[in-house]
Every structure is written in C-alpha cells, then in structure tokens.
Amino acid sequence: MKVAVMGAGAVGCYYGAMLARAGHEVVLVGRPSHVEAVNARGLRLETKAFDEHVRVAASTEASAVQGADLVLFCVKSTDSEAAAEQIRPHLVPGALVLTLQNGVDNDQRVRSVLPPSNEVAAAVVYVATEMAGPGHVKHHGRGELVIAPSARSEEVARQLEAAGVPTQISSNVRGSLWAKLILNCAYNALSAVTQLPYGVLVKGTGVADVIRDVVAECLAVAKAEGVDVVGDTDAAVRAIAQTMPSQYSSTAQDLARARPTEIDHLNGLIVRRGEALGVPTPANRVLFVMVKLLEDKQQHGTRS
C-alpha cells in the first residue's frame, strides 16, 4: 500500500514505521523539525524488541497524501476539521481515511468535510508511545487497533496484522471508542496535572477513589447516550497502570511541551454531554478545569 500519515506525532509515527518496516511506501506529514530529522536520518523507532532507523518519506505539506491508498489521520481532535479540509483536494477517490485519535466523534467530523468518494473509518488505538525528540519515536507497550467495518477494512486489517500490528474489525467501534475515552478520562488529566507516569500515579493517596468517581460518571453518561461500552471497564482501568507503568498521558506530554491539549474532547466532552443529558459529572469537571487552568497559565504566563 501507499500510506500517508496526516499528523505524524507519536501515534502516527509508530504505525507508519511499522507499515514501512513491512515494505509499504509511507509518507509522514508533520512539523518542520520532525520532517527535517526524518528526511536526514530516517525515522528512529525505539521499542523494547528493537531500535532502528526506518526509511520513510516526510513532508510538512498536506499535498503529500496525494496517491495514498490509506491515510492514517492522527491529528489532535481539536484540529480534525481543519486537517480534513487540508487533505481533501489531494485525496484519490477510494482512499480510506482511518481516524487514529482520542475522542469519540472524530470520524463523524472528518466525514462531514470529505467527499463521499472517500471512506472514513474510526479506529481505537491502544498504544503507549512518545516522541523522544525530532525523528525519534519511543514505544513503551501494546499497539493493537480496533477498526470500524468499511469496504477496505478487511484488506487494511490484513496488511496491519502482517506488519506486526494486532488489528480487529468491530461493528461496535463506538462502544470501543467510549471504552478508550473512559480510560483517557481516568488517567490523562491526573497524569497531566501531576506530571507523573501511570505506575507512580496510581499509588498516590486517594487516586484510586478519584479514578473510581470519574469512571462512574463516564459510564452514567454513556448509558444516557445509549452507548454499549465494550469490555470490563474496571479491569481495563486497572490494566493501564500495570501494562503501561512508565507512560505519561498524551495530555501530560502536551502540557510538558506547552502545547494545547485535547482535554475538551476527553473530560470536557463528558462534562458537556452530562449537562445535556442531566447527568452530574463533578469529578470530571474538576479535572477538566484544572487542565484548562494549566493551559491558560502556559499561554498567558503567571499573573500577579
């Protein structure tokens, strides 16, 4: 396949690199410093099993998606519509756009921008990665995908599996997206506010009780939405700290780099949907507000 990664951060670089290692033609669309490093030395993929430079193309221009059979759409949830507008003129008919993003509605938002000739399918991403520097992605654990059915999903799933990416097609991706959203709501803001990895975070005084309250609110909102949340939520929440003990949340990484976070599409979404549906969400509201305060502090500086 010819694969383009729109929004080549830690998640996009990991999956792009895995596909490139399997022989697919991959181009990364990302920030200038990252693109320069990749074009100069290749993309360094550091995992527990191997550490190597993978040869991929890289560009700062959305036009680089031209000719791609598969677009891994990995931009921040806040940028979904704008990035979809950027790639729209360059997509070939029949290209599958796979949304590998946090949040539960990105596929719908991207679909509203792109023409009917391009299928958009949601993917749920379970991977622990970080950008360790320009052109250097570090993999901490996991890596499986759950993708929605589409005309090309089975073919893409086969190619991903062959590239070492466990991939499942599910008719209830919405339920899986909500399951992932709940995990993000439980951990992301707490990791961001404390700048602690999951394994250390969960040992903090009262943290287990806060996580329990956040998860209960999320499940109440999901029930009011009519969403069938996939899996055993409590077991999944416990497993995060066990399987990814050294991982900092994406929200923590954004704050550490003084970048805008996706908190509006995580705990913020639970707060908004709770208000609309008459479901109280005080624990999620506190975490949402704390992250927004830290964002504002970075953006405007400390005021006396």
C-alpha atoms as a PDB file:
ATOM      1  CA  MET A   1       0.000   0.000   0.000  1.00  0.00           C
ATOM      2  CA  LYS A   2       0.884   3.645  -0.297  1.00  0.00           C
ATOM      3  CA  VAL A   3       0.282   5.083   3.164  1.00  0.00           C
ATOM      4  CA  ALA A   4       0.175   8.701   4.331  1.00  0.00           C
ATOM      5  CA  VAL A   5       0.229   9.714   7.984  1.00  0.00           C
ATOM      6  CA  MET A   6      -1.539  13.034   8.492  1.00  0.00           C
ATOM      7  CA  GLY A   7      -0.323  14.389  11.822  1.00  0.00           C
ATOM      8  CA  ALA A   8       2.905  12.491  12.382  1.00  0.00           C
ATOM      9  CA  GLY A   9       3.183  12.574  16.164  1.00  0.00           C
ATOM     10  CA  ALA A  10       3.979   9.619  18.393  1.00  0.00           C
ATOM     11  CA  VAL A  11       0.961   7.514  17.370  1.00  0.00           C
ATOM     12  CA  GLY A  12       1.179   8.198  13.640  1.00  0.00           C
ATOM     13  CA  CYS A  13       4.935   7.672  13.553  1.00  0.00           C
ATOM     14  CA  TYR A  14       4.674   4.318  15.331  1.00  0.00           C
ATOM     15  CA  TYR A  15       2.088   2.856  12.961  1.00  0.00           C
ATOM     16  CA  GLY A  16       3.700   4.471   9.923  1.00  0.00           C
ATOM     17  CA  ALA A  17       7.068   2.992  10.881  1.00  0.00           C
ATOM     18  CA  MET A  18       5.599  -0.476  11.446  1.00  0.00           C
ATOM     19  CA  LEU A  19       3.989  -0.394   7.987  1.00  0.00           C
ATOM     20  CA  ALA A  20       7.200   0.928   6.403  1.00  0.00           C
ATOM     21  CA  ARG A  21       9.201  -1.906   8.019  1.00  0.00           C
ATOM     22  CA  ALA A  22       6.778  -4.327   6.329  1.00  0.00           C
ATOM     23  CA  GLY A  23       7.592  -2.846   2.922  1.00  0.00           C
ATOM     24  CA  HIS A  24       4.791  -0.320   2.397  1.00  0.00           C
ATOM     25  CA  GLU A  25       5.509   3.119   0.933  1.00  0.00           C
ATOM     26  CA  VAL A  26       4.938   5.585   3.769  1.00  0.00           C
ATOM     27  CA  VAL A  27       4.994   9.364   3.918  1.00  0.00           C
ATOM     28  CA  LEU A  28       4.724  11.314   7.188  1.00  0.00           C
ATOM     29  CA  VAL A  29       3.118  14.761   7.270  1.00  0.00           C
ATOM     30  CA  GLY A  30       4.303  16.646  10.348  1.00  0.00           C
ATOM     31  CA  ARG A  31       6.142  19.543  11.952  1.00  0.00           C
ATOM     32  CA  PRO A  32       9.228  21.039  10.207  1.00  0.00           C
ATOM     33  CA  SER A  33      11.823  19.944  12.822  1.00  0.00           C
ATOM     34  CA  HIS A  34      10.477  16.398  12.776  1.00  0.00           C
ATOM     35  CA  VAL A  35      10.317  16.281   8.965  1.00  0.00           C
ATOM     36  CA  GLU A  36      13.902  17.551   8.626  1.00  0.00           C
ATOM     37  CA  ALA A  37      15.208  14.895  11.029  1.00  0.00           C
ATOM     38  CA  VAL A  38      13.315  12.087   9.264  1.00  0.00           C
ATOM     39  CA  ASN A  39      14.474  13.164   5.815  1.00  0.00           C
ATOM     40  CA  ALA A  40      18.077  13.384   7.048  1.00  0.00           C
ATOM     41  CA  ARG A  41      18.351  10.153   9.046  1.00  0.00           C
ATOM     42  CA  GLY A  42      15.116   8.194   8.689  1.00  0.00           C
ATOM     43  CA  LEU A  43      12.624   7.702  11.495  1.00  0.00           C
ATOM     44  CA  ARG A  44      14.148   6.160  14.609  1.00  0.00           C
ATOM     45  CA  LEU A  45      11.746   3.588  16.073  1.00  0.00           C
ATOM     46  CA  GLU A  46      12.844   2.511  19.535  1.00  0.00           C
ATOM     47  CA  THR A  47      10.976  -0.420  21.065  1.00  0.00           C
ATOM     48  CA  LYS A  48      11.777  -2.993  23.736  1.00  0.00           C
ATOM     49  CA  ALA A  49      12.461  -5.530  20.969  1.00  0.00           C
ATOM     50  CA  PHE A  50      14.494  -3.394  18.527  1.00  0.00           C
ATOM     51  CA  ASP A  51      15.905   0.086  17.925  1.00  0.00           C
ATOM     52  CA  GLU A  52      16.375   1.027  14.287  1.00  0.00           C
ATOM     53  CA  HIS A  53      16.091   3.804  11.731  1.00  0.00           C
ATOM     54  CA  VAL A  54      13.201   3.207   9.321  1.00  0.00           C
ATOM     55  CA  ARG A  55      13.337   4.779   5.886  1.00  0.00           C
ATOM     56  CA  VAL A  56      10.172   6.809   5.249  1.00  0.00           C
ATOM     57  CA  ALA A  57       9.376   9.986   3.322  1.00  0.00           C
ATOM     58  CA  ALA A  58       8.344  13.110   5.242  1.00  0.00           C
ATOM     59  CA  SER A  59       6.751  16.428   4.347  1.00  0.00           C
ATOM     60  CA  THR A  60       5.237  19.469   6.018  1.00  0.00           C
ATOM     61  CA  GLU A  61       2.619  19.752   3.250  1.00  0.00           C
ATOM     62  CA  ALA A  62      -0.828  18.116   3.267  1.00  0.00           C
ATOM     63  CA  SER A  63      -0.426  17.581  -0.502  1.00  0.00           C
ATOM     64  CA  ALA A  64       1.901  14.674   0.376  1.00  0.00           C
ATOM     65  CA  VAL A  65      -1.183  12.482   0.891  1.00  0.00           C
ATOM     66  CA  GLN A  66      -1.647  12.520  -2.901  1.00  0.00           C
ATOM     67  CA  GLY A  67      -1.959   8.977  -4.257  1.00  0.00           C
ATOM     68  CA  ALA A  68      -2.251   7.281  -0.852  1.00  0.00           C
ATOM     69  CA  ASP A  69      -4.471   4.193  -0.603  1.00  0.00           C
ATOM     70  CA  LEU A  70      -4.633   4.600   3.165  1.00  0.00           C
ATOM     71  CA  VAL A  71      -4.443   7.781   5.237  1.00  0.00           C
ATOM     72  CA  LEU A  72      -3.761   7.375   8.942  1.00  0.00           C
ATOM     73  CA  PHE A  73      -5.422  10.512  10.315  1.00  0.00           C
ATOM     74  CA  CYS A  74      -3.623  11.265  13.582  1.00  0.00           C
ATOM     75  CA  VAL A  75      -4.020  14.997  14.227  1.00  0.00           C
ATOM     76  CA  LYS A  76      -5.246  16.344  17.569  1.00  0.00           C
ATOM     77  CA  SER A  77      -9.023  16.184  17.980  1.00  0.00           C
ATOM     78  CA  THR A  78      -9.116  19.988  18.082  1.00  0.00           C
ATOM     79  CA  ASP A  79      -7.718  20.079  14.515  1.00  0.00           C
ATOM     80  CA  SER A  80      -9.899  17.423  12.848  1.00  0.00           C
ATOM     81  CA  GLU A  81     -11.997  19.603  10.539  1.00  0.00           C
ATOM     82  CA  ALA A  82      -9.106  21.889   9.567  1.00  0.00           C
ATOM     83  CA  ALA A  83      -6.801  18.965   8.730  1.00  0.00           C
ATOM     84  CA  ALA A  84      -9.555  17.220   6.770  1.00  0.00           C
ATOM     85  CA  GLU A  85     -10.010  20.408   4.709  1.00  0.00           C
ATOM     86  CA  GLN A  86      -6.253  20.429   4.029  1.00  0.00           C
ATOM     87  CA  ILE A  87      -6.122  16.872   2.674  1.00  0.00           C
ATOM     88  CA  ARG A  88      -9.465  16.980   0.848  1.00  0.00           C
ATOM     89  CA  PRO A  89      -8.138  18.343  -2.508  1.00  0.00           C
ATOM     90  CA  HIS A  90      -5.342  15.748  -2.608  1.00  0.00           C
ATOM     91  CA  LEU A  91      -7.166  12.502  -1.794  1.00  0.00           C
ATOM     92  CA  VAL A  92      -7.644   9.977  -4.571  1.00  0.00           C
ATOM     93  CA  PRO A  93     -11.159   8.502  -4.866  1.00  0.00           C
ATOM     94  CA  GLY A  94     -11.413   5.290  -2.882  1.00  0.00           C
ATOM     95  CA  ALA A  95      -8.699   6.179  -0.376  1.00  0.00           C
ATOM     96  CA  LEU A  96      -9.593   5.033   3.142  1.00  0.00           C
ATOM     97  CA  VAL A  97      -9.119   7.609   5.894  1.00  0.00           C
ATOM     98  CA  LEU A  98      -8.628   5.867   9.227  1.00  0.00           C
ATOM     99  CA  THR A  99      -9.021   8.148  12.268  1.00  0.00           C
ATOM    100  CA  LEU A 100      -6.491   7.159  14.965  1.00  0.00           C
ATOM    101  CA  GLN A 101      -7.474   9.813  17.502  1.00  0.00           C
ATOM    102  CA  ASN A 102      -8.659  10.368  21.044  1.00  0.00           C
ATOM    103  CA  GLY A 103     -12.317  11.221  21.498  1.00  0.00           C
ATOM    104  CA  VAL A 104     -15.490   9.583  20.203  1.00  0.00           C
ATOM    105  CA  ASP A 105     -16.697  11.713  17.284  1.00  0.00           C
ATOM    106  CA  ASN A 106     -13.685  12.431  15.058  1.00  0.00           C
ATOM    107  CA  ASP A 107     -14.765  10.051  12.286  1.00  0.00           C
ATOM    108  CA  GLN A 108     -18.126  11.844  12.030  1.00  0.00           C
ATOM    109  CA  ARG A 109     -16.446  15.257  11.983  1.00  0.00           C
ATOM    110  CA  VAL A 110     -13.927  14.211   9.309  1.00  0.00           C
ATOM    111  CA  ARG A 111     -16.649  12.526   7.239  1.00  0.00           C
ATOM    112  CA  SER A 112     -18.643  15.775   7.225  1.00  0.00           C
ATOM    113  CA  VAL A 113     -15.721  17.509   5.467  1.00  0.00           C
ATOM    114  CA  LEU A 114     -14.531  14.867   2.978  1.00  0.00           C
ATOM    115  CA  PRO A 115     -16.348  13.838  -0.235  1.00  0.00           C
ATOM    116  CA  PRO A 116     -18.439  10.624  -0.375  1.00  0.00           C
ATOM    117  CA  SER A 117     -15.766   9.069  -2.634  1.00  0.00           C
ATOM    118  CA  ASN A 118     -13.534   8.711   0.430  1.00  0.00           C
ATOM    119  CA  GLU A 119     -14.494   6.317   3.165  1.00  0.00           C
ATOM    120  CA  VAL A 120     -13.776   7.343   6.743  1.00  0.00           C
ATOM    121  CA  ALA A 121     -13.480   4.649   9.402  1.00  0.00           C
ATOM    122  CA  ALA A 122     -12.832   5.118  13.105  1.00  0.00           C
ATOM    123  CA  ALA A 123     -10.008   3.258  14.821  1.00  0.00           C
ATOM    124  CA  VAL A 124      -9.485   2.727  18.525  1.00  0.00           C
ATOM    125  CA  VAL A 125      -5.793   2.914  19.413  1.00  0.00           C
ATOM    126  CA  TYR A 126      -4.225   1.076  22.346  1.00  0.00           C
ATOM    127  CA  VAL A 127      -0.555   2.015  22.298  1.00  0.00           C
ATOM    128  CA  ALA A 128       1.942   3.698  24.623  1.00  0.00           C
ATOM    129  CA  THR A 129       4.321   5.894  22.628  1.00  0.00           C
ATOM    130  CA  GLU A 130       6.115   9.209  22.909  1.00  0.00           C
ATOM    131  CA  MET A 131       8.222  11.463  20.740  1.00  0.00           C
ATOM    132  CA  ALA A 132      11.680  11.285  22.333  1.00  0.00           C
ATOM    133  CA  GLY A 133      12.987  14.005  20.004  1.00  0.00           C
ATOM    134  CA  PRO A 134      12.723  15.083  16.351  1.00  0.00           C
ATOM    135  CA  GLY A 135      12.590  11.969  14.178  1.00  0.00           C
ATOM    136  CA  HIS A 136      12.612   9.630  17.204  1.00  0.00           C
ATOM    137  CA  VAL A 137       9.532   7.713  18.403  1.00  0.00           C
ATOM    138  CA  LYS A 138       9.725   5.554  21.513  1.00  0.00           C
ATOM    139  CA  HIS A 139       7.337   2.633  22.032  1.00  0.00           C
ATOM    140  CA  HIS A 140       6.507   1.709  25.645  1.00  0.00           C
ATOM    141  CA  GLY A 141       3.936  -1.033  25.089  1.00  0.00           C
ATOM    142  CA  ARG A 142       0.887  -2.510  23.383  1.00  0.00           C
ATOM    143  CA  GLY A 143      -0.076  -1.411  19.875  1.00  0.00           C
ATOM    144  CA  GLU A 144      -3.380  -3.016  18.920  1.00  0.00           C
ATOM    145  CA  LEU A 145      -6.073  -1.372  16.822  1.00  0.00           C
ATOM    146  CA  VAL A 146      -9.842  -1.874  16.638  1.00  0.00           C
ATOM    147  CA  ILE A 147     -11.294  -0.524  13.386  1.00  0.00           C
ATOM    148  CA  ALA A 148     -14.787   0.020  12.037  1.00  0.00           C
ATOM    149  CA  PRO A 149     -16.079  -2.005   9.080  1.00  0.00           C
ATOM    150  CA  SER A 150     -15.699  -0.427   5.633  1.00  0.00           C
ATOM    151  CA  ALA A 151     -15.201  -1.630   2.064  1.00  0.00           C
ATOM    152  CA  ARG A 152     -11.433  -1.729   2.594  1.00  0.00           C
ATOM    153  CA  SER A 153     -11.205  -2.530   6.312  1.00  0.00           C
ATOM    154  CA  GLU A 154     -10.529  -6.248   5.857  1.00  0.00           C
ATOM    155  CA  GLU A 155      -7.693  -5.641   3.393  1.00  0.00           C
ATOM    156  CA  VAL A 156      -6.170  -2.926   5.613  1.00  0.00           C
ATOM    157  CA  ALA A 157      -6.514  -5.124   8.704  1.00  0.00           C
ATOM    158  CA  ARG A 158      -4.637  -7.939   6.922  1.00  0.00           C
ATOM    159  CA  GLN A 159      -1.810  -5.589   5.980  1.00  0.00           C
ATOM    160  CA  LEU A 160      -1.595  -4.200   9.517  1.00  0.00           C
ATOM    161  CA  GLU A 161      -1.534  -7.699  11.019  1.00  0.00           C
ATOM    162  CA  ALA A 162       1.245  -8.689   8.621  1.00  0.00           C
ATOM    163  CA  ALA A 163       3.167  -5.595   9.754  1.00  0.00           C
ATOM    164  CA  GLY A 164       3.013  -6.699  13.391  1.00  0.00           C
ATOM    165  CA  VAL A 165       0.011  -4.593  14.416  1.00  0.00           C
ATOM    166  CA  PRO A 166      -2.766  -6.698  16.033  1.00  0.00           C
ATOM    167  CA  THR A 167      -5.967  -5.479  14.371  1.00  0.00           C
ATOM    168  CA  GLN A 168      -9.602  -6.336  14.991  1.00  0.00           C
ATOM    169  CA  ILE A 169     -12.662  -5.215  12.991  1.00  0.00           C
ATOM    170  CA  SER A 170     -15.647  -4.435  15.206  1.00  0.00           C
ATOM    171  CA  SER A 171     -19.217  -3.452  14.420  1.00  0.00           C
ATOM    172  CA  ASN A 172     -19.350  -1.671  17.813  1.00  0.00           C
ATOM    173  CA  VAL A 173     -16.408   0.693  17.390  1.00  0.00           C
ATOM    174  CA  ARG A 174     -18.493   3.393  19.078  1.00  0.00           C
ATOM    175  CA  GLY A 175     -18.574   1.240  22.216  1.00  0.00           C
ATOM    176  CA  SER A 176     -14.809   0.700  21.921  1.00  0.00           C
ATOM    177  CA  LEU A 177     -14.185   4.428  21.417  1.00  0.00           C
ATOM    178  CA  TRP A 178     -16.161   5.137  24.582  1.00  0.00           C
ATOM    179  CA  ALA A 179     -14.209   2.449  26.469  1.00  0.00           C
ATOM    180  CA  LYS A 180     -10.984   4.198  25.396  1.00  0.00           C
ATOM    181  CA  LEU A 181     -12.463   7.620  26.255  1.00  0.00           C
ATOM    182  CA  ILE A 182     -13.197   6.408  29.784  1.00  0.00           C
ATOM    183  CA  LEU A 183      -9.586   5.217  30.206  1.00  0.00           C
ATOM    184  CA  ASN A 184      -8.372   8.615  28.991  1.00  0.00           C
ATOM    185  CA  CYS A 185     -10.722  10.449  31.357  1.00  0.00           C
ATOM    186  CA  ALA A 186      -9.495   8.310  34.253  1.00  0.00           C
ATOM    187  CA  TYR A 187      -5.775   8.875  33.679  1.00  0.00           C
ATOM    188  CA  ASN A 188      -4.960  11.715  31.278  1.00  0.00           C
ATOM    189  CA  ALA A 189      -5.753  14.749  33.412  1.00  0.00           C
ATOM    190  CA  LEU A 190      -4.295  13.253  36.603  1.00  0.00           C
ATOM    191  CA  SER A 191      -1.047  12.403  34.802  1.00  0.00           C
ATOM    192  CA  ALA A 192      -1.011  15.891  33.251  1.00  0.00           C
ATOM    193  CA  VAL A 193      -1.602  17.832  36.476  1.00  0.00           C
ATOM    194  CA  THR A 194       0.998  15.816  38.421  1.00  0.00           C
ATOM    195  CA  GLN A 195       3.401  15.114  35.524  1.00  0.00           C
ATOM    196  CA  LEU A 196       3.614  11.518  36.761  1.00  0.00           C
ATOM    197  CA  PRO A 197       3.563   8.230  34.811  1.00  0.00           C
ATOM    198  CA  TYR A 198       0.651   5.860  35.354  1.00  0.00           C
ATOM    199  CA  GLY A 199       2.514   3.352  37.532  1.00  0.00           C
ATOM    200  CA  VAL A 200       3.530   6.040  40.057  1.00  0.00           C
ATOM    201  CA  LEU A 201       0.274   7.974  39.789  1.00  0.00           C
ATOM    202  CA  VAL A 202      -1.996   5.116  40.924  1.00  0.00           C
ATOM    203  CA  LYS A 203      -0.081   4.768  44.205  1.00  0.00           C
ATOM    204  CA  GLY A 204      -0.983   8.304  45.277  1.00  0.00           C
ATOM    205  CA  THR A 205      -3.238   8.969  48.250  1.00  0.00           C
ATOM    206  CA  GLY A 206      -6.894   8.925  47.200  1.00  0.00           C
ATOM    207  CA  VAL A 207      -6.125   8.466  43.493  1.00  0.00           C
ATOM    208  CA  ALA A 208      -7.990   5.163  43.238  1.00  0.00           C
ATOM    209  CA  ASP A 209     -11.113   6.831  44.676  1.00  0.00           C
ATOM    210  CA  VAL A 210     -10.897   9.751  42.224  1.00  0.00           C
ATOM    211  CA  ILE A 211     -10.491   7.356  39.293  1.00  0.00           C
ATOM    212  CA  ARG A 212     -13.477   5.348  40.522  1.00  0.00           C
ATOM    213  CA  ASP A 213     -15.649   8.503  40.655  1.00  0.00           C
ATOM    214  CA  VAL A 214     -14.518   9.665  37.197  1.00  0.00           C
ATOM    215  CA  VAL A 215     -15.242   6.253  35.658  1.00  0.00           C
ATOM    216  CA  ALA A 216     -18.681   6.019  37.307  1.00  0.00           C
ATOM    217  CA  GLU A 217     -19.641   9.412  35.858  1.00  0.00           C
ATOM    218  CA  CYS A 218     -18.399   8.418  32.393  1.00  0.00           C
ATOM    219  CA  LEU A 219     -20.385   5.175  32.473  1.00  0.00           C
ATOM    220  CA  ALA A 220     -23.520   7.085  33.571  1.00  0.00           C
ATOM    221  CA  VAL A 221     -23.136   9.496  30.633  1.00  0.00           C
ATOM    222  CA  ALA A 222     -22.513   6.617  28.220  1.00  0.00           C
ATOM    223  CA  LYS A 223     -25.659   4.867  29.471  1.00  0.00           C
ATOM    224  CA  ALA A 224     -27.684   8.046  28.987  1.00  0.00           C
ATOM    225  CA  GLU A 225     -26.236   8.301  25.456  1.00  0.00           C
ATOM    226  CA  GLY A 226     -27.372   4.740  24.715  1.00  0.00           C
ATOM    227  CA  VAL A 227     -23.781   3.550  24.199  1.00  0.00           C
ATOM    228  CA  ASP A 228     -22.902  -0.103  24.785  1.00  0.00           C
ATOM    229  CA  VAL A 229     -19.410   0.316  26.282  1.00  0.00           C
ATOM    230  CA  VAL A 230     -17.163  -2.580  25.272  1.00  0.00           C
ATOM    231  CA  GLY A 231     -15.398  -4.801  27.813  1.00  0.00           C
ATOM    232  CA  ASP A 232     -14.864  -4.805  31.562  1.00  0.00           C
ATOM    233  CA  THR A 233     -14.192  -1.135  32.315  1.00  0.00           C
ATOM    234  CA  ASP A 234     -12.857  -1.638  35.840  1.00  0.00           C
ATOM    235  CA  ALA A 235     -10.428  -4.337  34.699  1.00  0.00           C
ATOM    236  CA  ALA A 236      -9.288  -2.171  31.770  1.00  0.00           C
ATOM    237  CA  VAL A 237      -8.667   0.789  34.090  1.00  0.00           C
ATOM    238  CA  ARG A 238      -6.568  -1.377  36.434  1.00  0.00           C
ATOM    239  CA  ALA A 239      -4.645  -2.856  33.500  1.00  0.00           C
ATOM    240  CA  ILE A 240      -3.462   0.541  32.219  1.00  0.00           C
ATOM    241  CA  ALA A 241      -1.160   1.140  35.180  1.00  0.00           C
ATOM    242  CA  GLN A 242       0.062  -2.467  35.036  1.00  0.00           C
ATOM    243  CA  THR A 243       0.751  -2.627  31.289  1.00  0.00           C
ATOM    244  CA  MET A 244       1.994   0.965  30.822  1.00  0.00           C
ATOM    245  CA  PRO A 245       3.631   1.908  34.160  1.00  0.00           C
ATOM    246  CA  SER A 246       6.220   4.249  32.607  1.00  0.00           C
ATOM    247  CA  GLN A 247       3.770   6.014  30.287  1.00  0.00           C
ATOM    248  CA  TYR A 248       2.831   9.685  30.699  1.00  0.00           C
ATOM    249  CA  SER A 249      -0.559  10.577  29.233  1.00  0.00           C
ATOM    250  CA  SER A 250      -0.744  12.451  25.932  1.00  0.00           C
ATOM    251  CA  THR A 251      -2.229  15.358  27.902  1.00  0.00           C
ATOM    252  CA  ALA A 252       0.796  15.327  30.230  1.00  0.00           C
ATOM    253  CA  GLN A 253       3.131  15.294  27.230  1.00  0.00           C
ATOM    254  CA  ASP A 254       1.258  18.227  25.646  1.00  0.00           C
ATOM    255  CA  LEU A 255       1.459  20.305  28.830  1.00  0.00           C
ATOM    256  CA  ALA A 256       5.146  19.455  29.262  1.00  0.00           C
ATOM    257  CA  ARG A 257       5.755  20.858  25.759  1.00  0.00           C
ATOM    258  CA  ALA A 258       3.466  23.867  26.346  1.00  0.00           C
ATOM    259  CA  ARG A 259       1.079  22.699  23.620  1.00  0.00           C
ATOM    260  CA  PRO A 260      -2.736  22.812  23.654  1.00  0.00           C
ATOM    261  CA  THR A 261      -4.258  19.598  24.986  1.00  0.00           C
ATOM    262  CA  GLU A 262      -7.282  17.554  23.885  1.00  0.00           C
ATOM    263  CA  ILE A 263      -8.973  17.881  27.272  1.00  0.00           C
ATOM    264  CA  ASP A 264     -12.073  19.459  25.634  1.00  0.00           C
ATOM    265  CA  HIS A 265     -12.616  16.143  23.837  1.00  0.00           C
ATOM    266  CA  LEU A 266     -11.912  13.990  26.922  1.00  0.00           C
ATOM    267  CA  ASN A 267     -13.191  15.029  30.374  1.00  0.00           C
ATOM    268  CA  GLY A 268     -14.627  18.164  28.747  1.00  0.00           C
ATOM    269  CA  LEU A 269     -16.817  16.045  26.458  1.00  0.00           C
ATOM    270  CA  ILE A 270     -18.127  14.091  29.460  1.00  0.00           C
ATOM    271  CA  VAL A 271     -18.980  17.380  31.211  1.00  0.00           C
ATOM    272  CA  ARG A 272     -20.820  18.772  28.143  1.00  0.00           C
ATOM    273  CA  ARG A 273     -22.732  15.563  27.430  1.00  0.00           C
ATOM    274  CA  GLY A 274     -23.547  15.210  31.130  1.00  0.00           C
ATOM    275  CA  GLU A 275     -25.022  18.716  31.175  1.00  0.00           C
ATOM    276  CA  ALA A 276     -27.081  17.983  28.056  1.00  0.00           C
ATOM    277  CA  LEU A 277     -28.367  14.684  29.443  1.00  0.00           C
ATOM    278  CA  GLY A 278     -28.885  15.742  33.053  1.00  0.00           C
ATOM    279  CA  VAL A 279     -26.073  13.541  34.427  1.00  0.00           C
ATOM    280  CA  PRO A 280     -23.877  15.118  37.169  1.00  0.00           C
ATOM    281  CA  THR A 281     -20.123  14.962  36.417  1.00  0.00           C
ATOM    282  CA  PRO A 282     -18.344  16.805  39.286  1.00  0.00           C
ATOM    283  CA  ALA A 283     -15.137  14.713  39.275  1.00  0.00           C
ATOM    284  CA  ASN A 284     -14.678  15.106  35.516  1.00  0.00           C
ATOM    285  CA  ARG A 285     -15.427  18.834  35.802  1.00  0.00           C
ATOM    286  CA  VAL A 286     -12.678  19.369  38.397  1.00  0.00           C
ATOM    287  CA  LEU A 287     -10.076  17.539  36.272  1.00  0.00           C
ATOM    288  CA  PHE A 288     -11.187  19.406  33.134  1.00  0.00           C
ATOM    289  CA  VAL A 289     -10.943  22.793  34.868  1.00  0.00           C
ATOM    290  CA  MET A 290      -7.522  22.032  36.364  1.00  0.00           C
ATOM    291  CA  VAL A 291      -6.046  21.159  32.966  1.00  0.00           C
ATOM    292  CA  LYS A 292      -7.648  24.251  31.383  1.00  0.00           C
ATOM    293  CA  LEU A 293      -6.103  26.423  34.131  1.00  0.00           C
ATOM    294  CA  LEU A 294      -2.658  24.958  33.426  1.00  0.00           C
ATOM    295  CA  GLU A 295      -3.181  25.556  29.691  1.00  0.00           C
ATOM    296  CA  ASP A 296      -4.165  29.175  30.348  1.00  0.00           C
ATOM    297  CA  LYS A 297      -1.184  29.664  32.669  1.00  0.00           C
ATOM    298  CA  GLN A 298       1.185  28.493  29.931  1.00  0.00           C
ATOM    299  CA  GLN A 299      -0.494  30.572  27.273  1.00  0.00           C
ATOM    300  CA  HIS A 300      -0.702  33.845  29.210  1.00  0.00           C
ATOM    301  CA  GLY A 301       2.023  33.424  31.816  1.00  0.00           C
ATOM    302  CA  THR A 302       1.656  33.836  35.579  1.00  0.00           C
ATOM    303  CA  ARG A 303      -0.304  36.850  36.649  1.00  0.00           C
ATOM    304  CA  SER A 304       0.262  38.580  39.998  1.00  0.00           C
END
